[in-house]
Amino acid sequence: MIDYKQYITIDSRKRNGQPCIRDLRITVGDILSYLASGMSTEEILADFPKLAKEDILAALAYAAAAQNNRAILETAA
């Protein structure tokens, strides 16, 4: 499983402190919603060229860890 801590950031000044992909304003929730709506990884990457496949995998890894109560990240000030 990918180490989501290298890809997911939490900053209280961005997207109300939701976990985001790197320092982008794309949240883990956004990625999960796109996937749940039926978008493929390739479609998401085409729509958001700043994303990489690893970002999507990190979002999934973070969501899995959160579901299992293991997601831990530091919040930026």
N, C-alpha and C. Protein backbone atom coordinates (compact mmCIF):
# COMPACT_ATOMS: atom_id res chain seq x y z
N MET A 1 0.84 -1.18 0.00
CA MET A 1 0.00 0.00 0.00
C MET A 1 0.89 1.24 0.00
N ILE A 2 0.49 2.24 -0.73
CA ILE A 2 1.25 3.49 -0.85
C ILE A 2 1.22 4.25 0.48
N ASP A 3 2.29 4.96 0.80
CA ASP A 3 2.36 5.77 2.01
C ASP A 3 1.67 7.11 1.74
N TYR A 4 0.42 7.22 2.14
CA TYR A 4 -0.37 8.42 1.84
C TYR A 4 0.21 9.68 2.47
N LYS A 5 1.01 9.55 3.51
CA LYS A 5 1.54 10.72 4.21
C LYS A 5 2.47 11.55 3.32
N GLN A 6 2.97 10.95 2.26
CA GLN A 6 3.81 11.70 1.31
C GLN A 6 2.99 12.51 0.32
N TYR A 7 1.69 12.27 0.25
CA TYR A 7 0.84 12.88 -0.77
C TYR A 7 -0.33 13.69 -0.23
N ILE A 8 -0.77 13.40 0.99
CA ILE A 8 -1.95 14.04 1.55
C ILE A 8 -1.52 15.10 2.55
N THR A 9 -2.10 16.29 2.42
CA THR A 9 -1.80 17.38 3.35
C THR A 9 -3.09 17.89 3.97
N ILE A 10 -2.98 18.42 5.16
CA ILE A 10 -4.11 19.07 5.82
C ILE A 10 -3.65 20.45 6.25
N ASP A 11 -4.34 21.45 5.75
CA ASP A 11 -4.01 22.84 6.06
C ASP A 11 -5.33 23.54 6.37
N SER A 12 -5.45 24.07 7.55
CA SER A 12 -6.71 24.69 7.97
C SER A 12 -7.11 25.86 7.07
N ARG A 13 -6.17 26.39 6.29
CA ARG A 13 -6.46 27.52 5.40
C ARG A 13 -6.93 27.07 4.02
N LYS A 14 -6.89 25.77 3.75
CA LYS A 14 -7.32 25.26 2.45
C LYS A 14 -8.46 24.28 2.61
N ARG A 15 -9.52 24.52 1.89
CA ARG A 15 -10.68 23.63 1.85
C ARG A 15 -11.17 23.26 3.25
N ASN A 16 -11.17 24.25 4.14
CA ASN A 16 -11.66 24.08 5.51
C ASN A 16 -10.96 22.97 6.27
N GLY A 17 -9.68 22.76 5.99
CA GLY A 17 -8.91 21.77 6.72
C GLY A 17 -9.15 20.33 6.30
N GLN A 18 -9.82 20.14 5.16
CA GLN A 18 -10.02 18.77 4.67
C GLN A 18 -8.70 18.23 4.12
N PRO A 19 -8.52 16.91 4.17
CA PRO A 19 -7.30 16.33 3.61
C PRO A 19 -7.26 16.53 2.10
N CYS A 20 -6.16 17.13 1.61
CA CYS A 20 -6.00 17.46 0.20
C CYS A 20 -4.84 16.68 -0.40
N ILE A 21 -4.87 16.59 -1.71
CA ILE A 21 -3.78 15.97 -2.44
C ILE A 21 -2.64 16.98 -2.53
N ARG A 22 -1.50 16.59 -2.00
CA ARG A 22 -0.32 17.48 -1.91
C ARG A 22 -0.78 18.86 -1.45
N ASP A 23 -0.35 19.91 -2.10
CA ASP A 23 -0.80 21.25 -1.71
C ASP A 23 -1.84 21.78 -2.68
N LEU A 24 -2.47 20.89 -3.41
CA LEU A 24 -3.53 21.29 -4.34
C LEU A 24 -4.82 21.49 -3.56
N ARG A 25 -5.81 22.02 -4.20
CA ARG A 25 -7.11 22.21 -3.56
C ARG A 25 -8.08 21.10 -3.96
N ILE A 26 -7.54 19.95 -4.24
CA ILE A 26 -8.34 18.77 -4.56
C ILE A 26 -8.31 17.87 -3.33
N THR A 27 -9.48 17.60 -2.77
CA THR A 27 -9.53 16.84 -1.53
C THR A 27 -9.60 15.33 -1.79
N VAL A 28 -9.30 14.58 -0.74
CA VAL A 28 -9.47 13.13 -0.79
C VAL A 28 -10.93 12.83 -1.13
N GLY A 29 -11.84 13.57 -0.52
CA GLY A 29 -13.27 13.39 -0.78
C GLY A 29 -13.63 13.62 -2.25
N ASP A 30 -12.99 14.61 -2.87
CA ASP A 30 -13.23 14.86 -4.29
C ASP A 30 -12.85 13.63 -5.11
N ILE A 31 -11.66 13.10 -4.83
CA ILE A 31 -11.17 11.93 -5.57
C ILE A 31 -12.12 10.75 -5.37
N LEU A 32 -12.52 10.51 -4.12
CA LEU A 32 -13.42 9.40 -3.84
C LEU A 32 -14.76 9.59 -4.55
N SER A 33 -15.25 10.81 -4.58
CA SER A 33 -16.52 11.09 -5.27
C SER A 33 -16.42 10.83 -6.77
N TYR A 34 -15.31 11.24 -7.37
CA TYR A 34 -15.12 10.99 -8.80
C TYR A 34 -15.11 9.50 -9.08
N LEU A 35 -14.39 8.75 -8.26
CA LEU A 35 -14.31 7.30 -8.45
C LEU A 35 -15.68 6.66 -8.22
N ALA A 36 -16.39 7.10 -7.19
CA ALA A 36 -17.71 6.55 -6.88
C ALA A 36 -18.73 6.85 -7.97
N SER A 37 -18.53 7.95 -8.69
CA SER A 37 -19.46 8.30 -9.77
C SER A 37 -19.19 7.51 -11.04
N GLY A 38 -18.10 6.73 -11.01
CA GLY A 38 -17.79 5.89 -12.17
C GLY A 38 -16.63 6.36 -13.01
N MET A 39 -16.03 7.49 -12.64
CA MET A 39 -14.87 7.95 -13.40
C MET A 39 -13.71 6.99 -13.20
N SER A 40 -12.96 6.77 -14.26
CA SER A 40 -11.76 5.93 -14.15
C SER A 40 -10.59 6.80 -13.71
N THR A 41 -9.54 6.15 -13.26
CA THR A 41 -8.33 6.87 -12.90
C THR A 41 -7.84 7.71 -14.08
N GLU A 42 -7.88 7.14 -15.27
CA GLU A 42 -7.42 7.84 -16.47
C GLU A 42 -8.26 9.08 -16.74
N GLU A 43 -9.58 8.99 -16.52
CA GLU A 43 -10.45 10.16 -16.73
C GLU A 43 -10.15 11.25 -15.72
N ILE A 44 -9.92 10.88 -14.49
CA ILE A 44 -9.58 11.87 -13.46
C ILE A 44 -8.27 12.55 -13.80
N LEU A 45 -7.28 11.77 -14.20
CA LEU A 45 -5.97 12.34 -14.56
C LEU A 45 -6.08 13.26 -15.77
N ALA A 46 -6.95 12.92 -16.72
CA ALA A 46 -7.14 13.77 -17.90
C ALA A 46 -7.81 15.09 -17.51
N ASP A 47 -8.76 15.04 -16.57
CA ASP A 47 -9.46 16.25 -16.14
C ASP A 47 -8.62 17.13 -15.21
N PHE A 48 -7.69 16.50 -14.51
CA PHE A 48 -6.86 17.23 -13.55
C PHE A 48 -5.38 16.91 -13.82
N PRO A 49 -4.78 17.59 -14.78
CA PRO A 49 -3.41 17.26 -15.21
C PRO A 49 -2.35 17.41 -14.12
N LYS A 50 -2.63 18.13 -13.04
CA LYS A 50 -1.65 18.26 -11.96
C LYS A 50 -1.61 17.03 -11.06
N LEU A 51 -2.60 16.15 -11.21
CA LEU A 51 -2.64 14.92 -10.42
C LEU A 51 -1.81 13.84 -11.09
N ALA A 52 -1.32 12.92 -10.28
CA ALA A 52 -0.62 11.73 -10.75
C ALA A 52 -1.36 10.51 -10.22
N LYS A 53 -1.11 9.37 -10.84
CA LYS A 53 -1.75 8.13 -10.41
C LYS A 53 -1.49 7.88 -8.93
N GLU A 54 -0.30 8.20 -8.46
CA GLU A 54 0.05 8.00 -7.06
C GLU A 54 -0.83 8.84 -6.13
N ASP A 55 -1.26 10.02 -6.60
CA ASP A 55 -2.16 10.85 -5.80
C ASP A 55 -3.49 10.15 -5.56
N ILE A 56 -4.00 9.51 -6.59
CA ILE A 56 -5.27 8.79 -6.47
C ILE A 56 -5.11 7.58 -5.55
N LEU A 57 -4.01 6.87 -5.71
CA LEU A 57 -3.75 5.73 -4.83
C LEU A 57 -3.58 6.19 -3.38
N ALA A 58 -2.95 7.34 -3.18
CA ALA A 58 -2.78 7.88 -1.83
C ALA A 58 -4.13 8.25 -1.22
N ALA A 59 -5.03 8.82 -2.03
CA ALA A 59 -6.37 9.15 -1.54
C ALA A 59 -7.09 7.88 -1.09
N LEU A 60 -6.97 6.82 -1.87
CA LEU A 60 -7.60 5.55 -1.49
C LEU A 60 -6.96 4.97 -0.23
N ALA A 61 -5.64 5.06 -0.13
CA ALA A 61 -4.94 4.56 1.06
C ALA A 61 -5.34 5.35 2.30
N TYR A 62 -5.46 6.67 2.16
CA TYR A 62 -5.88 7.51 3.28
C TYR A 62 -7.31 7.14 3.71
N ALA A 63 -8.19 6.98 2.74
CA ALA A 63 -9.58 6.62 3.04
C ALA A 63 -9.64 5.27 3.75
N ALA A 64 -8.84 4.31 3.30
CA ALA A 64 -8.82 2.99 3.94
C ALA A 64 -8.31 3.12 5.37
N ALA A 65 -7.25 3.90 5.57
CA ALA A 65 -6.70 4.09 6.92
C ALA A 65 -7.72 4.80 7.82
N ALA A 66 -8.41 5.79 7.27
CA ALA A 66 -9.41 6.52 8.05
C ALA A 66 -10.55 5.58 8.44
N GLN A 67 -10.96 4.73 7.52
CA GLN A 67 -12.03 3.77 7.80
C GLN A 67 -11.61 2.81 8.91
N ASN A 68 -10.34 2.49 8.94
CA ASN A 68 -9.81 1.59 9.96
C ASN A 68 -9.25 2.33 11.17
N ASN A 69 -9.57 3.64 11.25
CA ASN A 69 -9.13 4.48 12.37
C ASN A 69 -7.63 4.54 12.54
N ARG A 70 -6.91 4.56 11.41
CA ARG A 70 -5.45 4.63 11.48
C ARG A 70 -4.90 5.88 10.79
N ALA A 71 -5.74 6.70 10.21
CA ALA A 71 -5.26 7.87 9.47
C ALA A 71 -4.74 8.92 10.44
N ILE A 72 -3.48 9.28 10.27
CA ILE A 72 -2.86 10.28 11.13
C ILE A 72 -2.03 11.22 10.25
N LEU A 73 -2.36 12.49 10.33
CA LEU A 73 -1.57 13.51 9.63
C LEU A 73 -1.47 14.70 10.55
N GLU A 74 -0.42 15.47 10.36
CA GLU A 74 -0.27 16.70 11.11
C GLU A 74 -0.98 17.81 10.35
N THR A 75 -1.63 18.71 11.06
CA THR A 75 -2.32 19.83 10.47
C THR A 75 -1.37 21.03 10.42
N ALA A 76 -1.32 21.65 9.23
CA ALA A 76 -0.51 22.87 9.10
C ALA A 76 -1.23 24.01 9.80
N ALA A 77 -0.48 24.94 10.32
CA ALA A 77 -1.05 26.08 11.06
C ALA A 77 -1.92 26.95 10.23
